[in-house]
Amino acid sequence: MKQTVDIQFLGTPASSAVEAVAREKVRKLDQFCAHMISCRVRIELVHKHRHQGRPFAVHIELALPGQVLAISRVHDEDVYIALRAAFDGMKRQIEDAVRRDRDHRKQPAAT
């Protein structure tokens, strides 16, 4: 990755353990898709929710050449489960973007 990873905590104190897990997951995404430009991860403790407990929301914004991918609807009371689900969703989005790019390149020229 050419840029640094930006990890933000909103509504909750920063945790070095959670940040380490997030950085490791970003590193794995970078190995999977080497042309990442930047990645921003926001971990937020949601205050108003209909259910008991206070779930964490994880938002990921990842920039690739020519496009930006985002995941923003992952909630769970366990921050590690929310992180895993968000990064799994981001990996699927990257796979789809790579597949679309590859298919676009394979299309034969119009004759």
PDB file of N, CA and C in Angstrom:
ATOM      1  N   MET A   1       0.851  -1.170   0.000  1.00  0.00           N
ATOM      2  CA  MET A   1       0.000   0.000   0.000  1.00  0.00           C
ATOM      3  C   MET A   1       0.894   1.230   0.000  1.00  0.00           C
ATOM      4  N   LYS A   2       0.495   2.205  -0.766  1.00  0.00           N
ATOM      5  CA  LYS A   2       1.297   3.416  -0.906  1.00  0.00           C
ATOM      6  C   LYS A   2       1.050   4.413   0.220  1.00  0.00           C
ATOM      7  N   GLN A   3      -0.139   4.415   0.786  1.00  0.00           N
ATOM      8  CA  GLN A   3      -0.502   5.376   1.826  1.00  0.00           C
ATOM      9  C   GLN A   3      -0.594   4.669   3.173  1.00  0.00           C
ATOM     10  N   THR A   4      -0.652   5.461   4.235  1.00  0.00           N
ATOM     11  CA  THR A   4      -0.802   4.886   5.562  1.00  0.00           C
ATOM     12  C   THR A   4      -2.258   4.526   5.814  1.00  0.00           C
ATOM     13  N   VAL A   5      -2.451   3.696   6.795  1.00  0.00           N
ATOM     14  CA  VAL A   5      -3.788   3.281   7.201  1.00  0.00           C
ATOM     15  C   VAL A   5      -4.268   4.248   8.275  1.00  0.00           C
ATOM     16  N   ASP A   6      -5.494   4.737   8.137  1.00  0.00           N
ATOM     17  CA  ASP A   6      -6.076   5.667   9.107  1.00  0.00           C
ATOM     18  C   ASP A   6      -7.149   4.921   9.890  1.00  0.00           C
ATOM     19  N   ILE A   7      -6.945   4.755  11.199  1.00  0.00           N
ATOM     20  CA  ILE A   7      -7.916   4.075  12.056  1.00  0.00           C
ATOM     21  C   ILE A   7      -8.399   5.074  13.090  1.00  0.00           C
ATOM     22  N   GLN A   8      -9.722   5.267  13.139  1.00  0.00           N
ATOM     23  CA  GLN A   8     -10.325   6.238  14.055  1.00  0.00           C
ATOM     24  C   GLN A   8     -11.299   5.528  14.985  1.00  0.00           C
ATOM     25  N   PHE A   9     -11.363   6.000  16.217  1.00  0.00           N
ATOM     26  CA  PHE A   9     -12.324   5.512  17.198  1.00  0.00           C
ATOM     27  C   PHE A   9     -13.255   6.664  17.537  1.00  0.00           C
ATOM     28  N   LEU A  10     -14.560   6.441  17.433  1.00  0.00           N
ATOM     29  CA  LEU A  10     -15.552   7.469  17.759  1.00  0.00           C
ATOM     30  C   LEU A  10     -16.480   6.947  18.850  1.00  0.00           C
ATOM     31  N   GLY A  11     -16.639   7.713  19.911  1.00  0.00           N
ATOM     32  CA  GLY A  11     -17.548   7.341  20.987  1.00  0.00           C
ATOM     33  C   GLY A  11     -17.005   6.266  21.900  1.00  0.00           C
ATOM     34  N   THR A  12     -15.772   5.871  21.698  1.00  0.00           N
ATOM     35  CA  THR A  12     -15.142   4.849  22.526  1.00  0.00           C
ATOM     36  C   THR A  12     -13.651   5.154  22.620  1.00  0.00           C
ATOM     37  N   PRO A  13     -13.038   4.843  23.746  1.00  0.00           N
ATOM     38  CA  PRO A  13     -11.593   5.084  23.846  1.00  0.00           C
ATOM     39  C   PRO A  13     -10.824   4.213  22.850  1.00  0.00           C
ATOM     40  N   ALA A  14      -9.734   4.738  22.353  1.00  0.00           N
ATOM     41  CA  ALA A  14      -8.895   3.974  21.427  1.00  0.00           C
ATOM     42  C   ALA A  14      -8.324   2.758  22.149  1.00  0.00           C
ATOM     43  N   SER A  15      -8.290   1.647  21.452  1.00  0.00           N
ATOM     44  CA  SER A  15      -7.764   0.407  22.007  1.00  0.00           C
ATOM     45  C   SER A  15      -6.629  -0.077  21.121  1.00  0.00           C
ATOM     46  N   SER A  16      -5.467  -0.275  21.723  1.00  0.00           N
ATOM     47  CA  SER A  16      -4.327  -0.739  20.923  1.00  0.00           C
ATOM     48  C   SER A  16      -4.558  -2.155  20.406  1.00  0.00           C
ATOM     49  N   ALA A  17      -5.280  -2.991  21.158  1.00  0.00           N
ATOM     50  CA  ALA A  17      -5.559  -4.357  20.709  1.00  0.00           C
ATOM     51  C   ALA A  17      -6.489  -4.347  19.494  1.00  0.00           C
ATOM     52  N   VAL A  18      -7.538  -3.540  19.549  1.00  0.00           N
ATOM     53  CA  VAL A  18      -8.473  -3.448  18.422  1.00  0.00           C
ATOM     54  C   VAL A  18      -7.766  -2.838  17.215  1.00  0.00           C
ATOM     55  N   GLU A  19      -6.949  -1.824  17.455  1.00  0.00           N
ATOM     56  CA  GLU A  19      -6.214  -1.202  16.356  1.00  0.00           C
ATOM     57  C   GLU A  19      -5.256  -2.198  15.710  1.00  0.00           C
ATOM     58  N   ALA A  20      -4.604  -3.034  16.520  1.00  0.00           N
ATOM     59  CA  ALA A  20      -3.683  -4.040  15.976  1.00  0.00           C
ATOM     60  C   ALA A  20      -4.426  -5.045  15.101  1.00  0.00           C
ATOM     61  N   VAL A  21      -5.611  -5.458  15.538  1.00  0.00           N
ATOM     62  CA  VAL A  21      -6.411  -6.392  14.735  1.00  0.00           C
ATOM     63  C   VAL A  21      -6.816  -5.732  13.421  1.00  0.00           C
ATOM     64  N   ALA A  22      -7.250  -4.486  13.481  1.00  0.00           N
ATOM     65  CA  ALA A  22      -7.656  -3.773  12.265  1.00  0.00           C
ATOM     66  C   ALA A  22      -6.476  -3.624  11.304  1.00  0.00           C
ATOM     67  N   ARG A  23      -5.308  -3.274  11.821  1.00  0.00           N
ATOM     68  CA  ARG A  23      -4.122  -3.131  10.957  1.00  0.00           C
ATOM     69  C   ARG A  23      -3.733  -4.462  10.317  1.00  0.00           C
ATOM     70  N   GLU A  24      -3.857  -5.548  11.063  1.00  0.00           N
ATOM     71  CA  GLU A  24      -3.550  -6.872  10.511  1.00  0.00           C
ATOM     72  C   GLU A  24      -4.524  -7.226   9.389  1.00  0.00           C
ATOM     73  N   LYS A  25      -5.792  -6.893   9.578  1.00  0.00           N
ATOM     74  CA  LYS A  25      -6.785  -7.185   8.540  1.00  0.00           C
ATOM     75  C   LYS A  25      -6.544  -6.325   7.297  1.00  0.00           C
ATOM     76  N   VAL A  26      -6.121  -5.085   7.483  1.00  0.00           N
ATOM     77  CA  VAL A  26      -5.775  -4.232   6.335  1.00  0.00           C
ATOM     78  C   VAL A  26      -4.563  -4.810   5.616  1.00  0.00           C
ATOM     79  N   ARG A  27      -3.586  -5.297   6.377  1.00  0.00           N
ATOM     80  CA  ARG A  27      -2.393  -5.899   5.775  1.00  0.00           C
ATOM     81  C   ARG A  27      -2.767  -7.109   4.915  1.00  0.00           C
ATOM     82  N   LYS A  28      -3.705  -7.923   5.408  1.00  0.00           N
ATOM     83  CA  LYS A  28      -4.155  -9.085   4.631  1.00  0.00           C
ATOM     84  C   LYS A  28      -4.873  -8.649   3.359  1.00  0.00           C
ATOM     85  N   LEU A  29      -5.677  -7.586   3.442  1.00  0.00           N
ATOM     86  CA  LEU A  29      -6.321  -7.070   2.231  1.00  0.00           C
ATOM     87  C   LEU A  29      -5.275  -6.571   1.244  1.00  0.00           C
ATOM     88  N   ASP A  30      -4.229  -5.942   1.756  1.00  0.00           N
ATOM     89  CA  ASP A  30      -3.165  -5.427   0.892  1.00  0.00           C
ATOM     90  C   ASP A  30      -2.440  -6.565   0.185  1.00  0.00           C
ATOM     91  N   GLN A  31      -2.251  -7.687   0.857  1.00  0.00           N
ATOM     92  CA  GLN A  31      -1.639  -8.852   0.216  1.00  0.00           C
ATOM     93  C   GLN A  31      -2.561  -9.411  -0.862  1.00  0.00           C
ATOM     94  N   PHE A  32      -3.863  -9.343  -0.610  1.00  0.00           N
ATOM     95  CA  PHE A  32      -4.853  -9.862  -1.552  1.00  0.00           C
ATOM     96  C   PHE A  32      -4.988  -8.958  -2.775  1.00  0.00           C
ATOM     97  N   CYS A  33      -4.882  -7.655  -2.564  1.00  0.00           N
ATOM     98  CA  CYS A  33      -5.056  -6.673  -3.637  1.00  0.00           C
ATOM     99  C   CYS A  33      -3.956  -5.626  -3.501  1.00  0.00           C
ATOM    100  N   ALA A  34      -2.856  -5.842  -4.190  1.00  0.00           N
ATOM    101  CA  ALA A  34      -1.651  -5.037  -3.983  1.00  0.00           C
ATOM    102  C   ALA A  34      -1.755  -3.600  -4.486  1.00  0.00           C
ATOM    103  N   HIS A  35      -2.770  -3.261  -5.283  1.00  0.00           N
ATOM    104  CA  HIS A  35      -2.834  -1.901  -5.816  1.00  0.00           C
ATOM    105  C   HIS A  35      -3.755  -0.974  -5.015  1.00  0.00           C
ATOM    106  N   MET A  36      -3.889  -1.237  -3.702  1.00  0.00           N
ATOM    107  CA  MET A  36      -4.648  -0.344  -2.833  1.00  0.00           C
ATOM    108  C   MET A  36      -3.903   0.979  -2.684  1.00  0.00           C
ATOM    109  N   ILE A  37      -4.644   2.067  -2.657  1.00  0.00           N
ATOM    110  CA  ILE A  37      -4.042   3.392  -2.501  1.00  0.00           C
ATOM    111  C   ILE A  37      -4.122   3.848  -1.049  1.00  0.00           C
ATOM    112  N   SER A  38      -5.290   3.704  -0.436  1.00  0.00           N
ATOM    113  CA  SER A  38      -5.444   4.109   0.962  1.00  0.00           C
ATOM    114  C   SER A  38      -6.579   3.324   1.597  1.00  0.00           C
ATOM    115  N   CYS A  39      -6.577   3.312   2.926  1.00  0.00           N
ATOM    116  CA  CYS A  39      -7.636   2.626   3.661  1.00  0.00           C
ATOM    117  C   CYS A  39      -7.928   3.414   4.933  1.00  0.00           C
ATOM    118  N   ARG A  40      -9.213   3.669   5.148  1.00  0.00           N
ATOM    119  CA  ARG A  40      -9.654   4.384   6.343  1.00  0.00           C
ATOM    120  C   ARG A  40     -10.657   3.496   7.078  1.00  0.00           C
ATOM    121  N   VAL A  41     -10.402   3.239   8.362  1.00  0.00           N
ATOM    122  CA  VAL A  41     -11.272   2.401   9.183  1.00  0.00           C
ATOM    123  C   VAL A  41     -11.792   3.253  10.330  1.00  0.00           C
ATOM    124  N   ARG A  42     -13.113   3.251  10.510  1.00  0.00           N
ATOM    125  CA  ARG A  42     -13.720   3.997  11.619  1.00  0.00           C
ATOM    126  C   ARG A  42     -14.492   3.012  12.484  1.00  0.00           C
ATOM    127  N   ILE A  43     -14.157   2.969  13.760  1.00  0.00           N
ATOM    128  CA  ILE A  43     -14.818   2.087  14.721  1.00  0.00           C
ATOM    129  C   ILE A  43     -15.596   2.990  15.665  1.00  0.00           C
ATOM    130  N   GLU A  44     -16.908   2.810  15.664  1.00  0.00           N
ATOM    131  CA  GLU A  44     -17.781   3.742  16.384  1.00  0.00           C
ATOM    132  C   GLU A  44     -18.685   2.976  17.333  1.00  0.00           C
ATOM    133  N   LEU A  45     -18.822   3.481  18.545  1.00  0.00           N
ATOM    134  CA  LEU A  45     -19.756   2.908  19.501  1.00  0.00           C
ATOM    135  C   LEU A  45     -21.082   3.633  19.325  1.00  0.00           C
ATOM    136  N   VAL A  46     -22.091   2.908  18.871  1.00  0.00           N
ATOM    137  CA  VAL A  46     -23.398   3.494  18.584  1.00  0.00           C
ATOM    138  C   VAL A  46     -24.139   3.686  19.902  1.00  0.00           C
ATOM    139  N   HIS A  47     -24.626   4.906  20.141  1.00  0.00           N
ATOM    140  CA  HIS A  47     -25.267   5.213  21.418  1.00  0.00           C
ATOM    141  C   HIS A  47     -26.759   4.934  21.419  1.00  0.00           C
ATOM    142  N   LYS A  48     -27.428   5.243  20.346  1.00  0.00           N
ATOM    143  CA  LYS A  48     -28.880   5.074  20.311  1.00  0.00           C
ATOM    144  C   LYS A  48     -29.211   3.897  19.406  1.00  0.00           C
ATOM    145  N   HIS A  49     -29.766   2.870  20.018  1.00  0.00           N
ATOM    146  CA  HIS A  49     -30.100   1.682  19.252  1.00  0.00           C
ATOM    147  C   HIS A  49     -31.326   1.050  19.872  1.00  0.00           C
ATOM    148  N   ARG A  50     -32.147   0.410  19.072  1.00  0.00           N
ATOM    149  CA  ARG A  50     -33.392  -0.175  19.555  1.00  0.00           C
ATOM    150  C   ARG A  50     -33.155  -1.397  20.437  1.00  0.00           C
ATOM    151  N   HIS A  51     -32.089  -2.107  20.206  1.00  0.00           N
ATOM    152  CA  HIS A  51     -31.805  -3.330  20.952  1.00  0.00           C
ATOM    153  C   HIS A  51     -31.056  -3.003  22.237  1.00  0.00           C
ATOM    154  N   GLN A  52     -31.040  -3.974  23.137  1.00  0.00           N
ATOM    155  CA  GLN A  52     -30.243  -3.787  24.344  1.00  0.00           C
ATOM    156  C   GLN A  52     -28.769  -3.796  23.972  1.00  0.00           C
ATOM    157  N   GLY A  53     -27.991  -3.198  24.809  1.00  0.00           N
ATOM    158  CA  GLY A  53     -26.564  -3.142  24.533  1.00  0.00           C
ATOM    159  C   GLY A  53     -26.228  -1.998  23.597  1.00  0.00           C
ATOM    160  N   ARG A  54     -24.951  -1.791  23.417  1.00  0.00           N
ATOM    161  CA  ARG A  54     -24.492  -0.711  22.542  1.00  0.00           C
ATOM    162  C   ARG A  54     -23.564  -1.315  21.500  1.00  0.00           C
ATOM    163  N   PRO A  55     -24.062  -1.490  20.312  1.00  0.00           N
ATOM    164  CA  PRO A  55     -23.241  -2.141  19.287  1.00  0.00           C
ATOM    165  C   PRO A  55     -22.166  -1.218  18.723  1.00  0.00           C
ATOM    166  N   PHE A  56     -21.129  -1.851  18.214  1.00  0.00           N
ATOM    167  CA  PHE A  56     -20.075  -1.143  17.496  1.00  0.00           C
ATOM    168  C   PHE A  56     -20.435  -1.118  16.023  1.00  0.00           C
ATOM    169  N   ALA A  57     -20.161  -0.015  15.388  1.00  0.00           N
ATOM    170  CA  ALA A  57     -20.323   0.104  13.937  1.00  0.00           C
ATOM    171  C   ALA A  57     -18.927   0.249  13.347  1.00  0.00           C
ATOM    172  N   VAL A  58     -18.650  -0.514  12.307  1.00  0.00           N
ATOM    173  CA  VAL A  58     -17.353  -0.444  11.639  1.00  0.00           C
ATOM    174  C   VAL A  58     -17.581   0.049  10.222  1.00  0.00           C
ATOM    175  N   HIS A  59     -16.869   1.094   9.844  1.00  0.00           N
ATOM    176  CA  HIS A  59     -16.951   1.675   8.506  1.00  0.00           C
ATOM    177  C   HIS A  59     -15.561   1.580   7.881  1.00  0.00           C
ATOM    178  N   ILE A  60     -15.499   1.081   6.665  1.00  0.00           N
ATOM    179  CA  ILE A  60     -14.220   0.973   5.957  1.00  0.00           C
ATOM    180  C   ILE A  60     -14.360   1.658   4.611  1.00  0.00           C
ATOM    181  N   GLU A  61     -13.397   2.490   4.293  1.00  0.00           N
ATOM    182  CA  GLU A  61     -13.329   3.141   2.981  1.00  0.00           C
ATOM    183  C   GLU A  61     -11.963   2.821   2.397  1.00  0.00           C
ATOM    184  N   LEU A  62     -11.963   2.176   1.236  1.00  0.00           N
ATOM    185  CA  LEU A  62     -10.728   1.717   0.621  1.00  0.00           C
ATOM    186  C   LEU A  62     -10.629   2.277  -0.788  1.00  0.00           C
ATOM    187  N   ALA A  63      -9.527   2.930  -1.086  1.00  0.00           N
ATOM    188  CA  ALA A  63      -9.339   3.531  -2.411  1.00  0.00           C
ATOM    189  C   ALA A  63      -8.472   2.624  -3.273  1.00  0.00           C
ATOM    190  N   LEU A  64      -8.986   2.340  -4.460  1.00  0.00           N
ATOM    191  CA  LEU A  64      -8.263   1.618  -5.501  1.00  0.00           C
ATOM    192  C   LEU A  64      -8.096   2.577  -6.670  1.00  0.00           C
ATOM    193  N   PRO A  65      -7.200   2.296  -7.583  1.00  0.00           N
ATOM    194  CA  PRO A  65      -7.079   3.181  -8.748  1.00  0.00           C
ATOM    195  C   PRO A  65      -8.417   3.291  -9.490  1.00  0.00           C
ATOM    196  N   GLY A  66      -8.951   4.484  -9.555  1.00  0.00           N
ATOM    197  CA  GLY A  66     -10.184   4.730 -10.292  1.00  0.00           C
ATOM    198  C   GLY A  66     -11.474   4.466  -9.546  1.00  0.00           C
ATOM    199  N   GLN A  67     -11.420   3.999  -8.308  1.00  0.00           N
ATOM    200  CA  GLN A  67     -12.661   3.740  -7.573  1.00  0.00           C
ATOM    201  C   GLN A  67     -12.425   3.719  -6.068  1.00  0.00           C
ATOM    202  N   VAL A  68     -13.516   3.932  -5.332  1.00  0.00           N
ATOM    203  CA  VAL A  68     -13.483   3.875  -3.876  1.00  0.00           C
ATOM    204  C   VAL A  68     -14.538   2.867  -3.443  1.00  0.00           C
ATOM    205  N   LEU A  69     -14.137   1.916  -2.609  1.00  0.00           N
ATOM    206  CA  LEU A  69     -15.054   0.916  -2.075  1.00  0.00           C
ATOM    207  C   LEU A  69     -15.351   1.273  -0.625  1.00  0.00           C
ATOM    208  N   ALA A  70     -16.584   0.999  -0.186  1.00  0.00           N
ATOM    209  CA  ALA A  70     -16.948   1.339   1.190  1.00  0.00           C
ATOM    210  C   ALA A  70     -17.873   0.288   1.780  1.00  0.00           C
ATOM    211  N   ILE A  71     -17.678   0.029   3.048  1.00  0.00           N
ATOM    212  CA  ILE A  71     -18.554  -0.824   3.853  1.00  0.00           C
ATOM    213  C   ILE A  71     -18.961   0.033   5.041  1.00  0.00           C
ATOM    214  N   SER A  72     -20.264   0.113   5.313  1.00  0.00           N
ATOM    215  CA  SER A  72     -20.645   0.999   6.416  1.00  0.00           C
ATOM    216  C   SER A  72     -21.827   0.507   7.236  1.00  0.00           C
ATOM    217  N   ARG A  73     -22.287  -0.697   7.024  1.00  0.00           N
ATOM    218  CA  ARG A  73     -23.463  -1.135   7.766  1.00  0.00           C
ATOM    219  C   ARG A  73     -23.187  -2.345   8.644  1.00  0.00           C
ATOM    220  N   VAL A  74     -22.020  -2.454   9.219  1.00  0.00           N
ATOM    221  CA  VAL A  74     -21.689  -3.608  10.045  1.00  0.00           C
ATOM    222  C   VAL A  74     -21.805  -3.213  11.511  1.00  0.00           C
ATOM    223  N   HIS A  75     -22.702  -3.900  12.233  1.00  0.00           N
ATOM    224  CA  HIS A  75     -22.924  -3.607  13.644  1.00  0.00           C
ATOM    225  C   HIS A  75     -22.875  -4.911  14.442  1.00  0.00           C
ATOM    226  N   ASP A  76     -22.252  -4.871  15.597  1.00  0.00           N
ATOM    227  CA  ASP A  76     -22.272  -5.994  16.522  1.00  0.00           C
ATOM    228  C   ASP A  76     -21.828  -5.479  17.887  1.00  0.00           C
ATOM    229  N   GLU A  77     -22.312  -6.124  18.942  1.00  0.00           N
ATOM    230  CA  GLU A  77     -21.908  -5.714  20.283  1.00  0.00           C
ATOM    231  C   GLU A  77     -20.464  -6.099  20.570  1.00  0.00           C
ATOM    232  N   ASP A  78     -19.926  -7.068  19.836  1.00  0.00           N
ATOM    233  CA  ASP A  78     -18.522  -7.462  19.962  1.00  0.00           C
ATOM    234  C   ASP A  78     -17.738  -6.786  18.841  1.00  0.00           C
ATOM    235  N   VAL A  79     -16.807  -5.918  19.201  1.00  0.00           N
ATOM    236  CA  VAL A  79     -16.069  -5.141  18.204  1.00  0.00           C
ATOM    237  C   VAL A  79     -15.275  -6.046  17.267  1.00  0.00           C
ATOM    238  N   TYR A  80     -14.783  -7.173  17.769  1.00  0.00           N
ATOM    239  CA  TYR A  80     -13.987  -8.071  16.927  1.00  0.00           C
ATOM    240  C   TYR A  80     -14.849  -8.766  15.872  1.00  0.00           C
ATOM    241  N   ILE A  81     -16.071  -9.111  16.239  1.00  0.00           N
ATOM    242  CA  ILE A  81     -16.997  -9.706  15.268  1.00  0.00           C
ATOM    243  C   ILE A  81     -17.380  -8.670  14.221  1.00  0.00           C
ATOM    244  N   ALA A  82     -17.620  -7.437  14.656  1.00  0.00           N
ATOM    245  CA  ALA A  82     -17.955  -6.365  13.710  1.00  0.00           C
ATOM    246  C   ALA A  82     -16.795  -6.112  12.751  1.00  0.00           C
ATOM    247  N   LEU A  83     -15.559  -6.113  13.260  1.00  0.00           N
ATOM    248  CA  LEU A  83     -14.384  -5.936  12.398  1.00  0.00           C
ATOM    249  C   LEU A  83     -14.279  -7.065  11.378  1.00  0.00           C
ATOM    250  N   ARG A  84     -14.424  -8.300  11.847  1.00  0.00           N
ATOM    251  CA  ARG A  84     -14.319  -9.449  10.943  1.00  0.00           C
ATOM    252  C   ARG A  84     -15.369  -9.373   9.841  1.00  0.00           C
ATOM    253  N   ALA A  85     -16.601  -9.069  10.210  1.00  0.00           N
ATOM    254  CA  ALA A  85     -17.675  -8.991   9.216  1.00  0.00           C
ATOM    255  C   ALA A  85     -17.417  -7.864   8.217  1.00  0.00           C
ATOM    256  N   ALA A  86     -16.945  -6.731   8.706  1.00  0.00           N
ATOM    257  CA  ALA A  86     -16.677  -5.597   7.811  1.00  0.00           C
ATOM    258  C   ALA A  86     -15.555  -5.931   6.835  1.00  0.00           C
ATOM    259  N   PHE A  87     -14.482  -6.521   7.320  1.00  0.00           N
ATOM    260  CA  PHE A  87     -13.366  -6.846   6.434  1.00  0.00           C
ATOM    261  C   PHE A  87     -13.708  -7.993   5.485  1.00  0.00           C
ATOM    262  N   ASP A  88     -14.556  -8.932   5.926  1.00  0.00           N
ATOM    263  CA  ASP A  88     -15.025  -9.977   5.002  1.00  0.00           C
ATOM    264  C   ASP A  88     -15.832  -9.351   3.870  1.00  0.00           C
ATOM    265  N   GLY A  89     -16.697  -8.400   4.217  1.00  0.00           N
ATOM    266  CA  GLY A  89     -17.474  -7.701   3.193  1.00  0.00           C
ATOM    267  C   GLY A  89     -16.592  -6.901   2.252  1.00  0.00           C
ATOM    268  N   MET A  90     -15.557  -6.269   2.789  1.00  0.00           N
ATOM    269  CA  MET A  90     -14.637  -5.502   1.943  1.00  0.00           C
ATOM    270  C   MET A  90     -13.875  -6.431   1.007  1.00  0.00           C
ATOM    271  N   LYS A  91     -13.485  -7.597   1.492  1.00  0.00           N
ATOM    272  CA  LYS A  91     -12.776  -8.552   0.628  1.00  0.00           C
ATOM    273  C   LYS A  91     -13.672  -8.964  -0.539  1.00  0.00           C
ATOM    274  N   ARG A  92     -14.952  -9.202  -0.265  1.00  0.00           N
ATOM    275  CA  ARG A  92     -15.889  -9.554  -1.348  1.00  0.00           C
ATOM    276  C   ARG A  92     -16.009  -8.407  -2.346  1.00  0.00           C
ATOM    277  N   GLN A  93     -16.053  -7.171  -1.854  1.00  0.00           N
ATOM    278  CA  GLN A  93     -16.134  -6.023  -2.769  1.00  0.00           C
ATOM    279  C   GLN A  93     -14.882  -5.918  -3.631  1.00  0.00           C
ATOM    280  N   ILE A  94     -13.720  -6.175  -3.037  1.00  0.00           N
ATOM    281  CA  ILE A  94     -12.474  -6.139  -3.811  1.00  0.00           C
ATOM    282  C   ILE A  94     -12.493  -7.229  -4.873  1.00  0.00           C
ATOM    283  N   GLU A  95     -12.925  -8.436  -4.498  1.00  0.00           N
ATOM    284  CA  GLU A  95     -13.008  -9.533  -5.470  1.00  0.00           C
ATOM    285  C   GLU A  95     -13.906  -9.143  -6.638  1.00  0.00           C
ATOM    286  N   ASP A  96     -15.052  -8.543  -6.338  1.00  0.00           N
ATOM    287  CA  ASP A  96     -15.973  -8.114  -7.399  1.00  0.00           C
ATOM    288  C   ASP A  96     -15.343  -7.037  -8.276  1.00  0.00           C
ATOM    289  N   ALA A  97     -14.652  -6.083  -7.662  1.00  0.00           N
ATOM    290  CA  ALA A  97     -14.018  -5.004  -8.431  1.00  0.00           C
ATOM    291  C   ALA A  97     -12.923  -5.553  -9.333  1.00  0.00           C
ATOM    292  N   VAL A  98     -12.121  -6.475  -8.819  1.00  0.00           N
ATOM    293  CA  VAL A  98     -11.056  -7.084  -9.626  1.00  0.00           C
ATOM    294  C   VAL A  98     -11.665  -7.886 -10.768  1.00  0.00           C
ATOM    295  N   ARG A  99     -12.736  -8.613 -10.479  1.00  0.00           N
ATOM    296  CA  ARG A  99     -13.410  -9.412 -11.512  1.00  0.00           C
ATOM    297  C   ARG A  99     -13.987  -8.505 -12.604  1.00  0.00           C
ATOM    298  N   ARG A 100     -14.642  -7.411 -12.196  1.00  0.00           N
ATOM    299  CA  ARG A 100     -15.197  -6.479 -13.192  1.00  0.00           C
ATOM    300  C   ARG A 100     -14.096  -5.877 -14.053  1.00  0.00           C
ATOM    301  N   ASP A 101     -12.985  -5.506 -13.416  1.00  0.00           N
ATOM    302  CA  ASP A 101     -11.861  -4.921 -14.150  1.00  0.00           C
ATOM    303  C   ASP A 101     -11.283  -5.938 -15.128  1.00  0.00           C
ATOM    304  N   ARG A 102     -11.130  -7.167 -14.686  1.00  0.00           N
ATOM    305  CA  ARG A 102     -10.585  -8.220 -15.545  1.00  0.00           C
ATOM    306  C   ARG A 102     -11.536  -8.500 -16.714  1.00  0.00           C
ATOM    307  N   ASP A 103     -12.834  -8.581 -16.437  1.00  0.00           N
ATOM    308  CA  ASP A 103     -13.816  -8.822 -17.501  1.00  0.00           C
ATOM    309  C   ASP A 103     -13.848  -7.668 -18.490  1.00  0.00           C
ATOM    310  N   HIS A 104     -13.701  -6.454 -17.995  1.00  0.00           N
ATOM    311  CA  HIS A 104     -13.698  -5.279 -18.867  1.00  0.00           C
ATOM    312  C   HIS A 104     -12.506  -5.319 -19.815  1.00  0.00           C
ATOM    313  N   ARG A 105     -11.377  -5.758 -19.314  1.00  0.00           N
ATOM    314  CA  ARG A 105     -10.177  -5.839 -20.153  1.00  0.00           C
ATOM    315  C   ARG A 105     -10.269  -6.958 -21.181  1.00  0.00           C
ATOM    316  N   LYS A 106     -11.013  -8.027 -20.857  1.00  0.00           N
ATOM    317  CA  LYS A 106     -11.105  -9.178 -21.751  1.00  0.00           C
ATOM    318  C   LYS A 106     -12.055  -8.961 -22.917  1.00  0.00           C
ATOM    319  N   GLN A 107     -12.956  -7.985 -22.814  1.00  0.00           N
ATOM    320  CA  GLN A 107     -13.945  -7.788 -23.869  1.00  0.00           C
ATOM    321  C   GLN A 107     -13.243  -7.491 -25.185  1.00  0.00           C
ATOM    322  N   PRO A 108     -13.611  -8.226 -26.234  1.00  0.00           N
ATOM    323  CA  PRO A 108     -12.977  -7.990 -27.537  1.00  0.00           C
ATOM    324  C   PRO A 108     -13.406  -6.643 -28.115  1.00  0.00           C
ATOM    325  N   ALA A 109     -12.549  -6.093 -28.926  1.00  0.00           N
ATOM    326  CA  ALA A 109     -12.855  -4.816 -29.572  1.00  0.00           C
ATOM    327  C   ALA A 109     -13.990  -5.006 -30.565  1.00  0.00           C
ATOM    328  N   ALA A 110     -14.825  -3.987 -30.701  1.00  0.00           N
ATOM    329  CA  ALA A 110     -15.948  -4.052 -31.643  1.00  0.00           C
ATOM    330  C   ALA A 110     -15.407  -4.081 -33.067  1.00  0.00           C
ATOM    331  N   THR A 111     -16.022  -4.931 -33.889  1.00  0.00           N
ATOM    332  CA  THR A 111     -15.564  -5.033 -35.289  1.00  0.00           C
ATOM    333  C   THR A 111     -16.540  -4.426 -36.240  1.00  0.00           C
TER     334      THR A 111
END
